Amino acid sequence: MEETLDILRQKARTAALRAYVPYSAQHDAAVLLLADGTWAPGVRVESASFSLVIPPLVNAFTTAVAAGRTDVVAVALNRPFLPEEAAYARSTPAGSFREAAADVFVATDTHALPALGDRLVPFLDAPMPEDPAEGLALAREVARRAYVPESDFPVGCVLVVEGGRLVPGVNVEHADWSRILCAERNALGTALSWGLTGLKTLYLTCLKDQTGSPCGACRQLLTELAPEAAVWMDRGKTPPEVASPGQLLPGAFHGQTLLL
């Protein structure tokens, strides 16, 4: 087990280099180990609105859920767990984890770990949407992966990035509501964890609300991280609505004087 954990720690240190931390320079990352040896990173993603920072642990777990994987057997950080991170690890969307070391938690029912294999491929295996209808159809499929025990309100999105990759995002809930992450920020966090650029288009659907649109937190992150993206919002049987992040959040806070 120790050899696997040492490799997992190294993956976390390497992933931390991709953290988006223009305000703190605190390069943090988490790496999940799945039951078949696949591993998945999640990096710290900062916002000019500091309370909207996406923690690396939340980023990693929500990426796995959006990819349809909840078979997590271990998670490592590039540093020791903070108390709030340890609390999250004990009750995640993939089950409960116990402390194995200061920087590692292991699933409570796991006693042996698989050898590390390939990095998770979180992208959809689908062609680039040719029109909004196709993109929103994909988002509806993705939304069925949402983890919503608190609200029963599944939301899904597909983020199209440069090169044609399709990044899924779903809302992933937690008993502690401050640790809930929406679909849009889930997809943005995955894109940054994989070092992707050119965030071009976002297709968004709320399966139980045909008037749904990004919440204020997601509008802020979209404005900061994907300002040129077209956001297509599902309207069911009527034509979809499209807006830019700037139109969704006019007068957004950019925090230029806070930059290092």
Protein backbone atom coordinates (compact mmCIF):
# COMPACT_ATOMS: atom_id res chain seq x y z
CA MET A 1 0.00 0.00 0.00
CA GLU A 2 2.79 2.45 0.89
CA GLU A 3 4.29 2.33 -2.59
CA THR A 4 0.93 3.19 -4.14
CA LEU A 5 0.40 6.02 -1.67
CA ASP A 6 3.85 7.47 -2.40
CA ILE A 7 3.05 7.55 -6.13
CA LEU A 8 -0.33 9.12 -5.37
CA ARG A 9 1.41 11.83 -3.34
CA GLN A 10 3.77 12.54 -6.23
CA LYS A 11 0.82 12.85 -8.60
CA ALA A 12 -0.72 15.39 -6.21
CA ARG A 13 2.48 17.45 -6.12
CA THR A 14 2.65 17.47 -9.91
CA ALA A 15 -1.05 18.34 -10.29
CA ALA A 16 -0.60 21.28 -7.90
CA LEU A 17 1.43 23.06 -10.57
CA ARG A 18 -1.83 23.52 -12.55
CA ALA A 19 -3.69 25.20 -9.69
CA TYR A 20 -5.31 28.50 -10.63
CA VAL A 21 -4.14 30.65 -7.72
CA PRO A 22 -3.51 34.24 -8.90
CA TYR A 23 -4.42 35.68 -5.48
CA SER A 24 -2.68 33.40 -2.97
CA ALA A 25 -0.05 31.47 -4.99
CA GLN A 26 -1.14 28.53 -2.81
CA HIS A 27 -0.63 25.66 -5.24
CA ASP A 28 -2.81 22.89 -3.85
CA ALA A 29 -4.13 19.71 -5.44
CA ALA A 30 -5.85 16.45 -4.60
CA VAL A 31 -5.59 13.16 -6.47
CA LEU A 32 -8.19 10.41 -6.24
CA LEU A 33 -7.39 6.74 -6.74
CA LEU A 34 -10.22 4.70 -8.25
CA ALA A 35 -10.85 1.00 -7.75
CA ASP A 36 -9.27 0.00 -11.08
CA GLY A 37 -6.12 2.07 -10.54
CA THR A 38 -7.27 5.06 -12.57
CA TRP A 39 -6.45 8.36 -10.89
CA ALA A 40 -8.04 11.81 -11.13
CA PRO A 41 -6.64 15.20 -10.10
CA GLY A 42 -8.41 18.24 -8.74
CA VAL A 43 -6.69 21.60 -8.26
CA ARG A 44 -7.43 24.69 -6.21
CA VAL A 45 -9.33 27.22 -8.34
CA GLU A 46 -9.49 30.75 -6.98
CA SER A 47 -11.98 33.54 -7.62
CA ALA A 48 -11.77 37.28 -7.15
CA SER A 49 -14.67 36.63 -4.78
CA PHE A 50 -12.57 34.69 -2.29
CA SER A 51 -15.47 32.75 -0.76
CA LEU A 52 -16.08 31.10 -4.15
CA VAL A 53 -12.69 29.34 -4.25
CA ILE A 54 -13.07 25.72 -5.37
CA PRO A 55 -11.03 23.56 -2.97
CA PRO A 56 -8.92 20.82 -4.57
CA LEU A 57 -10.67 18.00 -2.70
CA VAL A 58 -14.13 19.16 -3.79
CA ASN A 59 -12.84 19.71 -7.33
CA ALA A 60 -11.49 16.15 -7.55
CA PHE A 61 -14.58 14.42 -6.16
CA THR A 62 -17.01 16.42 -8.30
CA THR A 63 -14.95 15.64 -11.41
CA ALA A 64 -15.24 11.93 -10.62
CA VAL A 65 -19.01 12.14 -10.10
CA ALA A 66 -19.50 14.03 -13.38
CA ALA A 67 -17.44 11.33 -15.13
CA GLY A 68 -19.72 8.66 -13.68
CA ARG A 69 -17.10 7.33 -11.26
CA THR A 70 -17.75 7.06 -7.54
CA ASP A 71 -15.51 4.03 -6.92
CA VAL A 72 -12.89 6.08 -5.09
CA VAL A 73 -10.62 4.08 -2.78
CA ALA A 74 -8.08 6.71 -1.68
CA VAL A 75 -7.27 10.40 -1.93
CA ALA A 76 -4.02 12.27 -1.36
CA LEU A 77 -3.19 15.96 -1.09
CA ASN A 78 0.12 17.64 -1.83
CA ARG A 79 0.20 18.66 1.85
CA PRO A 80 -1.48 17.59 5.11
CA PHE A 81 -5.28 17.74 5.27
CA LEU A 82 -6.83 20.77 6.92
CA PRO A 83 -9.56 20.08 9.53
CA GLU A 84 -12.33 21.10 7.11
CA GLU A 85 -10.86 18.83 4.41
CA ALA A 86 -10.73 15.91 6.84
CA ALA A 87 -14.39 16.55 7.66
CA TYR A 88 -15.26 16.47 3.96
CA ALA A 89 -13.29 13.25 3.45
CA ARG A 90 -15.32 11.53 6.15
CA SER A 91 -18.52 12.15 4.18
CA THR A 92 -18.02 12.45 0.43
CA PRO A 93 -20.26 11.69 -2.57
CA ALA A 94 -18.19 8.50 -2.93
CA GLY A 95 -18.65 7.37 0.67
CA SER A 96 -16.70 7.71 3.89
CA PHE A 97 -12.89 7.78 4.20
CA ARG A 98 -10.53 7.27 7.15
CA GLU A 99 -7.18 8.90 7.79
CA ALA A 100 -4.23 6.79 6.69
CA ALA A 101 -1.62 9.53 7.00
CA ALA A 102 -1.58 13.30 7.45
CA ASP A 103 -1.93 13.76 3.69
CA VAL A 104 -3.91 10.62 2.74
CA PHE A 105 -7.40 9.27 3.40
CA VAL A 106 -8.52 5.77 2.39
CA ALA A 107 -12.06 4.45 1.92
CA THR A 108 -13.26 2.98 5.21
CA ASP A 109 -13.91 -0.45 3.70
CA THR A 110 -10.62 -0.63 1.76
CA HIS A 111 -7.62 -2.62 3.02
CA ALA A 112 -5.58 -3.00 -0.17
CA LEU A 113 -5.04 -0.52 -2.98
CA PRO A 114 -4.61 -1.14 -6.71
CA ALA A 115 -1.46 -0.07 -8.51
CA LEU A 116 -1.76 3.31 -10.22
CA GLY A 117 -2.71 3.11 -13.86
CA ASP A 118 -3.75 5.80 -16.32
CA ARG A 119 -5.21 9.21 -15.59
CA LEU A 120 -8.99 9.40 -15.79
CA VAL A 121 -10.42 10.56 -19.10
CA PRO A 122 -13.35 12.70 -17.90
CA PHE A 123 -14.46 13.89 -21.34
CA LEU A 124 -17.59 12.76 -23.14
CA ASP A 125 -17.11 10.23 -25.90
CA ALA A 126 -19.27 12.14 -28.35
CA PRO A 127 -18.76 14.27 -31.46
CA MET A 128 -18.66 18.03 -31.23
CA PRO A 129 -22.25 19.35 -31.19
CA GLU A 130 -23.19 20.88 -34.53
CA ASP A 131 -25.92 23.04 -33.03
CA PRO A 132 -27.31 24.02 -29.59
CA ALA A 133 -29.95 21.30 -29.72
CA GLU A 134 -27.26 18.60 -29.86
CA GLY A 135 -25.25 20.25 -27.08
CA LEU A 136 -28.28 20.50 -24.81
CA ALA A 137 -29.22 16.89 -25.52
CA LEU A 138 -25.77 15.88 -24.24
CA ALA A 139 -26.23 18.09 -21.17
CA ARG A 140 -29.52 16.33 -20.39
CA GLU A 141 -27.76 12.96 -20.46
CA VAL A 142 -24.99 14.25 -18.23
CA ALA A 143 -27.49 15.69 -15.73
CA ARG A 144 -28.57 12.16 -14.84
CA ARG A 145 -25.19 11.71 -13.14
CA ALA A 146 -25.91 14.54 -10.67
CA TYR A 147 -25.57 13.73 -6.98
CA VAL A 148 -28.49 15.59 -5.41
CA PRO A 149 -29.66 13.90 -2.17
CA GLU A 150 -30.39 17.29 -0.61
CA SER A 151 -32.46 18.95 -3.36
CA ASP A 152 -33.47 16.29 -5.90
CA PHE A 153 -32.73 19.01 -8.47
CA PRO A 154 -30.35 17.58 -11.10
CA VAL A 155 -28.39 20.01 -13.24
CA GLY A 156 -26.00 19.09 -16.04
CA CYS A 157 -23.75 20.94 -18.42
CA VAL A 158 -21.23 20.32 -21.16
CA LEU A 159 -18.28 22.68 -21.55
CA VAL A 160 -16.72 22.74 -25.01
CA VAL A 161 -13.03 23.61 -24.96
CA GLU A 162 -10.50 24.35 -27.66
CA GLY A 163 -9.74 21.21 -29.64
CA GLY A 164 -13.29 19.90 -29.34
CA ARG A 165 -13.12 18.17 -25.97
CA LEU A 166 -16.43 18.00 -24.13
CA VAL A 167 -16.15 18.42 -20.36
CA PRO A 168 -19.19 17.27 -18.33
CA GLY A 169 -20.37 18.96 -15.17
CA VAL A 170 -23.12 18.13 -12.68
CA ASN A 171 -24.20 19.54 -9.37
CA VAL A 172 -22.72 17.53 -6.51
CA GLU A 173 -24.29 18.04 -3.10
CA HIS A 174 -23.07 17.53 0.44
CA ALA A 175 -24.79 17.52 3.82
CA ASP A 176 -22.76 20.65 4.56
CA TRP A 177 -24.29 23.01 2.00
CA SER A 178 -21.17 25.19 1.91
CA ARG A 179 -19.41 22.28 0.17
CA ILE A 180 -21.98 21.89 -2.63
CA LEU A 181 -20.66 22.57 -6.14
CA CYS A 182 -22.84 23.47 -9.12
CA ALA A 183 -22.55 21.87 -12.54
CA GLU A 184 -20.97 24.90 -14.22
CA ARG A 185 -18.20 25.27 -11.64
CA ASN A 186 -17.70 21.50 -11.68
CA ALA A 187 -16.94 21.62 -15.42
CA LEU A 188 -14.71 24.69 -15.04
CA GLY A 189 -12.75 23.00 -12.24
CA THR A 190 -12.23 19.87 -14.32
CA ALA A 191 -11.02 21.91 -17.29
CA LEU A 192 -8.43 23.71 -15.17
CA SER A 193 -7.32 20.51 -13.45
CA TRP A 194 -6.56 19.03 -16.88
CA GLY A 195 -4.79 22.22 -18.01
CA LEU A 196 -7.35 22.97 -20.73
CA THR A 197 -7.73 26.39 -22.31
CA GLY A 198 -10.04 28.00 -24.82
CA LEU A 199 -13.33 27.57 -22.94
CA LYS A 200 -15.68 28.28 -25.81
CA THR A 201 -19.25 27.13 -25.18
CA LEU A 202 -21.33 25.91 -22.25
CA TYR A 203 -24.56 23.94 -22.69
CA LEU A 204 -26.67 23.97 -19.51
CA THR A 205 -29.85 22.18 -18.49
CA CYS A 206 -31.96 22.01 -15.33
CA LEU A 207 -34.05 18.89 -15.81
CA LYS A 208 -36.83 20.05 -13.48
CA ASP A 209 -36.86 23.76 -14.34
CA GLN A 210 -37.14 24.99 -17.92
CA THR A 211 -36.40 28.55 -16.75
CA GLY A 212 -33.11 27.61 -15.09
CA SER A 213 -29.96 29.68 -15.47
CA PRO A 214 -26.56 29.85 -13.73
CA CYS A 215 -26.63 30.94 -10.09
CA GLY A 216 -24.71 34.03 -9.02
CA ALA A 217 -21.65 32.03 -7.95
CA CYS A 218 -21.42 30.28 -11.31
CA ARG A 219 -21.93 33.58 -13.17
CA GLN A 220 -18.96 35.03 -11.28
CA LEU A 221 -16.67 32.10 -12.12
CA LEU A 222 -17.79 32.04 -15.76
CA THR A 223 -17.04 35.75 -16.02
CA GLU A 224 -13.56 35.22 -14.62
CA LEU A 225 -12.58 31.94 -16.29
CA ALA A 226 -14.61 31.80 -19.52
CA PRO A 227 -15.48 35.42 -20.37
CA GLU A 228 -15.79 34.74 -24.11
CA ALA A 229 -17.96 31.63 -23.80
CA ALA A 230 -21.47 31.36 -25.17
CA VAL A 231 -23.80 29.99 -22.48
CA TRP A 232 -26.73 28.08 -23.97
CA MET A 233 -29.61 27.48 -21.53
CA ASP A 234 -32.16 24.72 -22.09
CA ARG A 235 -35.76 25.88 -22.43
CA GLY A 236 -37.36 22.52 -23.06
CA LYS A 237 -39.67 22.54 -26.07
CA THR A 238 -39.07 26.23 -26.80
CA PRO A 239 -35.88 27.62 -28.38
CA PRO A 240 -32.88 27.76 -26.04
CA GLU A 241 -31.61 31.02 -24.65
CA VAL A 242 -28.00 32.16 -25.11
CA ALA A 243 -25.98 34.79 -23.26
CA SER A 244 -22.39 35.69 -22.57
CA PRO A 245 -21.04 35.62 -19.00
CA GLY A 246 -20.87 39.42 -19.15
CA GLN A 247 -24.55 39.62 -20.02
CA LEU A 248 -25.39 37.21 -17.21
CA LEU A 249 -23.41 39.25 -14.68
CA PRO A 250 -23.02 42.88 -15.71
CA GLY A 251 -20.62 44.83 -13.53
CA ALA A 252 -18.88 41.66 -12.29
CA PHE A 253 -16.12 42.05 -9.72
CA HIS A 254 -12.69 41.28 -11.19
CA GLY A 255 -10.44 42.11 -8.24
CA GLN A 256 -7.52 43.40 -10.27
CA THR A 257 -6.04 45.23 -7.27
CA LEU A 258 -5.98 41.93 -5.36
CA LEU A 259 -3.70 40.16 -7.83
CA LEU A 260 -0.22 39.24 -6.64
